[in-house]
Structure formats: structure tokens, C-alpha cells
């Protein structure tokens, strides 16, 4: 999808799997709330004044067209934030029209992660900041093999689904 800058916050080294055009920065330590806040801080430093969208890596069924429409200039007007809810109560995406390190910390630090209330807690923080939030579609994030199979069934033509089929048919995993 069109983007002014692509930033990957990574724990480890980028390999040949990373397409050209990506900036890579090291992931900081701490809990997930700290790491997400730091990712927005990196984005704000790299492109001050530009919007940033953080997308989790556990939604392989995400179609760039979903984001392209939702984040198009026509749909961005008046939005301060974008929220992508996950079916399990978490979230798969968070976008900020004007990210700053301070705002990211206020929104994310202390939010309990990986619970059925994570998304609700984040929405409460967004409301407390009086941000106009646009909602993205609900998606299933892949936390378990059952989630993986559900996502692969929903998006059978993706590389993720094809790879999962090879795993599911491997003798050591079959059954």
C-alpha cells in the first residue's frame, strides 16, 4: 500500500525476507506496552508531523486494500486515530494522525496487554485524550494453531495459508 515511509521495529536482524524500502530500528526492551510506545516514538522522530500506523505481525490475512481505503486522504480528514480491533478483545492496528513520544506513552504505557480487555482499555485512553477515532475492520490475530487455521480458511489464497497447509500435512504435525 502507498506509504511515505516504512519502518520495521525488529528484535533481531533483518534478513533477505525484508523487501527493499524499509527502515529498520531495534526494538526496545520492556513489556509490549513499552515496545509499542517506543515504536511510535521512532516513527515520530523519523518523520515528524506525519501520521503513523502500527500494524501487528499476527494478522497475515490483512489485505492492503483495507488499509488503503480506510487511510486514504478522503477518509483521513478529521481523524486523530485509527483503531483495528482484534476478535479476541485486543487490537491489530493503531494509527495516530500526529504521533509524538509523549502521546504514545500516555496512550499505551500501563495498558494491560494480551487480555480480553486490552482493546477496551486502549479505547478508553483514546477517549480520555479526546481523539476522534476511526475504526478499522475486526480481524482475528494468530495466537494459536486454531487461530491460524481459522485465518487460513478466511484467506485461503495467501502465502500464510499455503505455508500452513505444508505444516498441517507434514507427518510430524498431522493428526
C-alpha atoms as a PDB file:
ATOM      1  CA  UNK A   1       0.000   0.000   0.000  1.00  0.00           C
ATOM      2  CA  UNK A   2       1.233   3.520  -0.571  1.00  0.00           C
ATOM      3  CA  UNK A   3       3.280   4.872   2.325  1.00  0.00           C
ATOM      4  CA  UNK A   4       5.657   7.780   2.737  1.00  0.00           C
ATOM      5  CA  UNK A   5       7.930   5.716   4.953  1.00  0.00           C
ATOM      6  CA  UNK A   6       8.019   2.096   6.082  1.00  0.00           C
ATOM      7  CA  UNK A   7       9.512   1.367   9.455  1.00  0.00           C
ATOM      8  CA  UNK A   8      10.102  -2.072  10.910  1.00  0.00           C
ATOM      9  CA  UNK A   9      10.776  -2.258  14.631  1.00  0.00           C
ATOM     10  CA  UNK A  10      12.584  -5.544  14.987  1.00  0.00           C
ATOM     11  CA  UNK A  11      14.055  -7.685  17.717  1.00  0.00           C
ATOM     12  CA  UNK A  12      16.937  -9.219  15.792  1.00  0.00           C
ATOM     13  CA  UNK A  13      18.439  -8.744  12.375  1.00  0.00           C
ATOM     14  CA  UNK A  14      16.561  -8.173   9.148  1.00  0.00           C
ATOM     15  CA  UNK A  15      17.109 -10.920   6.630  1.00  0.00           C
ATOM     16  CA  UNK A  16      16.639 -11.352   2.902  1.00  0.00           C
ATOM     17  CA  UNK A  17      12.907 -11.722   3.551  1.00  0.00           C
ATOM     18  CA  UNK A  18      12.616  -7.958   4.078  1.00  0.00           C
ATOM     19  CA  UNK A  19      11.629  -6.146   0.877  1.00  0.00           C
ATOM     20  CA  UNK A  20      13.588  -3.045  -0.153  1.00  0.00           C
ATOM     21  CA  UNK A  21      12.428   0.329   1.077  1.00  0.00           C
ATOM     22  CA  UNK A  22      12.117  -0.432   4.765  1.00  0.00           C
ATOM     23  CA  UNK A  23      13.927   1.384   7.584  1.00  0.00           C
ATOM     24  CA  UNK A  24      14.771  -0.978  10.425  1.00  0.00           C
ATOM     25  CA  UNK A  25      15.207   0.092  14.037  1.00  0.00           C
ATOM     26  CA  UNK A  26      15.887  -2.133  17.029  1.00  0.00           C
ATOM     27  CA  UNK A  27      13.012  -2.989  19.305  1.00  0.00           C
ATOM     28  CA  UNK A  28      13.439  -1.681  22.830  1.00  0.00           C
ATOM     29  CA  UNK A  29      13.127  -3.834  25.915  1.00  0.00           C
ATOM     30  CA  UNK A  30      10.250  -3.898  28.339  1.00  0.00           C
ATOM     31  CA  UNK A  31       6.676  -5.029  28.118  1.00  0.00           C
ATOM     32  CA  UNK A  32       4.591  -4.859  24.978  1.00  0.00           C
ATOM     33  CA  UNK A  33       3.069  -1.557  26.091  1.00  0.00           C
ATOM     34  CA  UNK A  34       6.583  -0.051  26.339  1.00  0.00           C
ATOM     35  CA  UNK A  35       7.663  -1.502  22.988  1.00  0.00           C
ATOM     36  CA  UNK A  36       4.573  -0.171  21.180  1.00  0.00           C
ATOM     37  CA  UNK A  37       5.021   3.295  22.670  1.00  0.00           C
ATOM     38  CA  UNK A  38       8.671   3.235  21.628  1.00  0.00           C
ATOM     39  CA  UNK A  39       7.710   2.223  18.072  1.00  0.00           C
ATOM     40  CA  UNK A  40       5.539   5.329  17.767  1.00  0.00           C
ATOM     41  CA  UNK A  41       8.376   7.411  19.209  1.00  0.00           C
ATOM     42  CA  UNK A  42      10.695   6.040  16.500  1.00  0.00           C
ATOM     43  CA  UNK A  43       8.123   6.907  13.835  1.00  0.00           C
ATOM     44  CA  UNK A  44       7.654  10.421  15.197  1.00  0.00           C
ATOM     45  CA  UNK A  45      11.414  11.044  15.204  1.00  0.00           C
ATOM     46  CA  UNK A  46      11.875   9.632  11.684  1.00  0.00           C
ATOM     47  CA  UNK A  47       9.020  11.598  10.129  1.00  0.00           C
ATOM     48  CA  UNK A  48       7.919  14.452  12.410  1.00  0.00           C
ATOM     49  CA  UNK A  49       4.382  15.633  11.777  1.00  0.00           C
ATOM     50  CA  UNK A  50       3.486  12.599   9.656  1.00  0.00           C
ATOM     51  CA  UNK A  51       0.803  10.080  10.554  1.00  0.00           C
ATOM     52  CA  UNK A  52       1.901   6.630  11.689  1.00  0.00           C
ATOM     53  CA  UNK A  53       0.106   3.313  11.614  1.00  0.00           C
ATOM     54  CA  UNK A  54       1.385   0.438  13.716  1.00  0.00           C
ATOM     55  CA  UNK A  55       0.254  -2.970  12.486  1.00  0.00           C
ATOM     56  CA  UNK A  56       0.888  -6.166  14.398  1.00  0.00           C
ATOM     57  CA  UNK A  57       2.563  -9.020  12.598  1.00  0.00           C
ATOM     58  CA  UNK A  58      -0.027 -11.579  13.657  1.00  0.00           C
ATOM     59  CA  UNK A  59      -2.716 -10.655  11.119  1.00  0.00           C
ATOM     60  CA  UNK A  60      -1.375 -12.259   7.930  1.00  0.00           C
ATOM     61  CA  UNK A  61      -4.791 -12.079   6.272  1.00  0.00           C
ATOM     62  CA  UNK A  62      -4.653  -8.289   6.186  1.00  0.00           C
ATOM     63  CA  UNK A  63      -5.315  -7.062   2.664  1.00  0.00           C
ATOM     64  CA  UNK A  64      -3.554  -3.763   1.882  1.00  0.00           C
ATOM     65  CA  UNK A  65      -6.739  -2.596   0.131  1.00  0.00           C
ATOM     66  CA  UNK A  66      -8.472  -2.470   3.527  1.00  0.00           C
ATOM     67  CA  UNK A  67      -5.886  -0.018   4.784  1.00  0.00           C
ATOM     68  CA  UNK A  68      -5.595   1.917   1.532  1.00  0.00           C
ATOM     69  CA  UNK A  69      -9.278   2.812   1.575  1.00  0.00           C
ATOM     70  CA  UNK A  70      -9.514   3.479   5.310  1.00  0.00           C
ATOM     71  CA  UNK A  71      -6.396   5.650   5.302  1.00  0.00           C
ATOM     72  CA  UNK A  72      -6.934   7.432   2.002  1.00  0.00           C
ATOM     73  CA  UNK A  73      -6.786  11.232   2.134  1.00  0.00           C
ATOM     74  CA  UNK A  74     -10.568  11.396   1.742  1.00  0.00           C
ATOM     75  CA  UNK A  75     -11.111   9.190   4.803  1.00  0.00           C
ATOM     76  CA  UNK A  76      -8.291  10.677   6.904  1.00  0.00           C
ATOM     77  CA  UNK A  77      -9.914  14.094   7.206  1.00  0.00           C
ATOM     78  CA  UNK A  78     -10.965  14.747  10.796  1.00  0.00           C
ATOM     79  CA  UNK A  79      -9.419  11.569  12.198  1.00  0.00           C
ATOM     80  CA  UNK A  80      -6.921  11.708  15.037  1.00  0.00           C
ATOM     81  CA  UNK A  81      -6.513   7.953  15.398  1.00  0.00           C
ATOM     82  CA  UNK A  82      -7.335   4.625  13.775  1.00  0.00           C
ATOM     83  CA  UNK A  83      -8.113   1.518  15.776  1.00  0.00           C
ATOM     84  CA  UNK A  84      -8.152  -2.036  14.420  1.00  0.00           C
ATOM     85  CA  UNK A  85      -9.930  -4.321  16.878  1.00  0.00           C
ATOM     86  CA  UNK A  86      -8.978  -7.969  17.194  1.00  0.00           C
ATOM     87  CA  UNK A  87     -11.677 -10.609  17.666  1.00  0.00           C
ATOM     88  CA  UNK A  88     -10.124 -11.684  20.990  1.00  0.00           C
ATOM     89  CA  UNK A  89     -10.506  -8.244  22.586  1.00  0.00           C
ATOM     90  CA  UNK A  90      -7.078  -6.919  21.687  1.00  0.00           C
ATOM     91  CA  UNK A  91      -6.116  -4.813  18.696  1.00  0.00           C
ATOM     92  CA  UNK A  92      -4.201  -5.457  15.496  1.00  0.00           C
ATOM     93  CA  UNK A  93      -3.602  -1.845  14.454  1.00  0.00           C
ATOM     94  CA  UNK A  94      -3.282   1.582  15.978  1.00  0.00           C
ATOM     95  CA  UNK A  95      -2.724   4.711  13.967  1.00  0.00           C
ATOM     96  CA  UNK A  96      -2.082   8.270  15.070  1.00  0.00           C
ATOM     97  CA  UNK A  97      -2.502  11.286  12.821  1.00  0.00           C
ATOM     98  CA  UNK A  98       0.024  13.276  14.842  1.00  0.00           C
ATOM     99  CA  UNK A  99       2.156  10.851  16.849  1.00  0.00           C
ATOM    100  CA  UNK A 100       4.507  12.076  19.494  1.00  0.00           C
ATOM    101  CA  UNK A 101       6.523  10.177  22.050  1.00  0.00           C
ATOM    102  CA  UNK A 102       4.524  11.793  24.841  1.00  0.00           C
ATOM    103  CA  UNK A 103       1.139  10.901  23.320  1.00  0.00           C
ATOM    104  CA  UNK A 104       2.229   7.335  22.634  1.00  0.00           C
ATOM    105  CA  UNK A 105       3.312   6.916  26.240  1.00  0.00           C
ATOM    106  CA  UNK A 106       0.020   8.300  27.576  1.00  0.00           C
ATOM    107  CA  UNK A 107      -1.966   6.006  25.301  1.00  0.00           C
ATOM    108  CA  UNK A 108      -0.032   2.777  25.696  1.00  0.00           C
ATOM    109  CA  UNK A 109       2.063   2.601  28.866  1.00  0.00           C
ATOM    110  CA  UNK A 110       0.236   0.633  31.520  1.00  0.00           C
ATOM    111  CA  UNK A 111      -2.402  -0.803  29.192  1.00  0.00           C
ATOM    112  CA  UNK A 112      -2.688  -4.493  30.092  1.00  0.00           C
ATOM    113  CA  UNK A 113      -1.635  -6.411  27.001  1.00  0.00           C
ATOM    114  CA  UNK A 114      -2.817  -9.778  25.722  1.00  0.00           C
ATOM    115  CA  UNK A 115      -6.103  -9.769  27.625  1.00  0.00           C
ATOM    116  CA  UNK A 116      -9.717  -9.679  26.512  1.00  0.00           C
ATOM    117  CA  UNK A 117      -9.849  -6.072  27.814  1.00  0.00           C
ATOM    118  CA  UNK A 118      -6.757  -4.727  26.047  1.00  0.00           C
ATOM    119  CA  UNK A 119      -8.739  -3.097  23.234  1.00  0.00           C
ATOM    120  CA  UNK A 120     -11.302  -1.582  25.605  1.00  0.00           C
ATOM    121  CA  UNK A 121      -8.521  -0.146  27.771  1.00  0.00           C
ATOM    122  CA  UNK A 122      -6.871   1.410  24.726  1.00  0.00           C
ATOM    123  CA  UNK A 123     -10.187   2.856  23.514  1.00  0.00           C
ATOM    124  CA  UNK A 124     -10.675   4.374  26.978  1.00  0.00           C
ATOM    125  CA  UNK A 125      -7.256   6.030  26.686  1.00  0.00           C
ATOM    126  CA  UNK A 126      -8.047   7.345  23.197  1.00  0.00           C
ATOM    127  CA  UNK A 127     -11.327   8.795  24.515  1.00  0.00           C
ATOM    128  CA  UNK A 128      -9.561  10.356  27.514  1.00  0.00           C
ATOM    129  CA  UNK A 129      -7.245  12.148  25.068  1.00  0.00           C
ATOM    130  CA  UNK A 130     -10.368  13.369  23.202  1.00  0.00           C
ATOM    131  CA  UNK A 131      -9.151  11.864  19.938  1.00  0.00           C
ATOM    132  CA  UNK A 132     -11.519  11.254  17.051  1.00  0.00           C
ATOM    133  CA  UNK A 133     -11.093   7.549  16.341  1.00  0.00           C
ATOM    134  CA  UNK A 134     -11.924   5.771  13.102  1.00  0.00           C
ATOM    135  CA  UNK A 135     -12.421   2.040  13.383  1.00  0.00           C
ATOM    136  CA  UNK A 136     -10.833  -0.455  11.046  1.00  0.00           C
ATOM    137  CA  UNK A 137     -12.419  -3.885  10.484  1.00  0.00           C
ATOM    138  CA  UNK A 138     -12.293  -6.544  13.171  1.00  0.00           C
ATOM    139  CA  UNK A 139      -9.650  -9.185  12.461  1.00  0.00           C
ATOM    140  CA  UNK A 140      -8.542 -12.411  14.042  1.00  0.00           C
ATOM    141  CA  UNK A 141      -4.963 -12.297  15.199  1.00  0.00           C
ATOM    142  CA  UNK A 142      -2.999 -15.518  15.182  1.00  0.00           C
ATOM    143  CA  UNK A 143      -2.158 -16.577  18.719  1.00  0.00           C
ATOM    144  CA  UNK A 144      -2.887 -20.314  18.495  1.00  0.00           C
ATOM    145  CA  UNK A 145      -2.929 -23.043  15.862  1.00  0.00           C
ATOM    146  CA  UNK A 146      -6.740 -22.845  15.896  1.00  0.00           C
ATOM    147  CA  UNK A 147      -6.476 -19.125  15.078  1.00  0.00           C
ATOM    148  CA  UNK A 148      -4.006 -19.929  12.313  1.00  0.00           C
ATOM    149  CA  UNK A 149      -6.365 -22.440  10.749  1.00  0.00           C
ATOM    150  CA  UNK A 150      -9.316 -20.023  11.005  1.00  0.00           C
ATOM    151  CA  UNK A 151      -7.320 -17.210   9.379  1.00  0.00           C
ATOM    152  CA  UNK A 152      -6.041 -19.525   6.633  1.00  0.00           C
ATOM    153  CA  UNK A 153      -9.624 -20.604   5.903  1.00  0.00           C
ATOM    154  CA  UNK A 154     -10.749 -16.955   5.720  1.00  0.00           C
ATOM    155  CA  UNK A 155      -7.871 -16.051   3.375  1.00  0.00           C
ATOM    156  CA  UNK A 156      -7.072 -19.310   1.533  1.00  0.00           C
ATOM    157  CA  UNK A 157      -5.093 -17.676  -1.299  1.00  0.00           C
ATOM    158  CA  UNK A 158      -2.481 -16.026   0.929  1.00  0.00           C
ATOM    159  CA  UNK A 159       1.089 -17.151   1.363  1.00  0.00           C
ATOM    160  CA  UNK A 160       0.270 -17.726   5.023  1.00  0.00           C
ATOM    161  CA  UNK A 161      -2.473 -20.221   4.155  1.00  0.00           C
ATOM    162  CA  UNK A 162      -0.206 -22.007   1.676  1.00  0.00           C
ATOM    163  CA  UNK A 163       2.572 -22.311   4.260  1.00  0.00           C
ATOM    164  CA  UNK A 164       0.158 -23.532   6.924  1.00  0.00           C
ATOM    165  CA  UNK A 165      -1.068 -26.252   4.555  1.00  0.00           C
ATOM    166  CA  UNK A 166       2.513 -27.545   4.253  1.00  0.00           C
ATOM    167  CA  UNK A 167       2.849 -27.642   8.030  1.00  0.00           C
ATOM    168  CA  UNK A 168      -0.537 -29.279   8.565  1.00  0.00           C
ATOM    169  CA  UNK A 169       0.316 -32.037   6.110  1.00  0.00           C
ATOM    170  CA  UNK A 170       3.824 -32.697   7.446  1.00  0.00           C
ATOM    171  CA  UNK A 171       3.900 -36.184   9.068  1.00  0.00           C
ATOM    172  CA  UNK A 172       5.237 -34.863  12.378  1.00  0.00           C
ATOM    173  CA  UNK A 173       2.319 -32.392  12.672  1.00  0.00           C
ATOM    174  CA  UNK A 174      -0.511 -34.392  11.090  1.00  0.00           C
ATOM    175  CA  UNK A 175      -3.244 -35.795  13.250  1.00  0.00           C
END
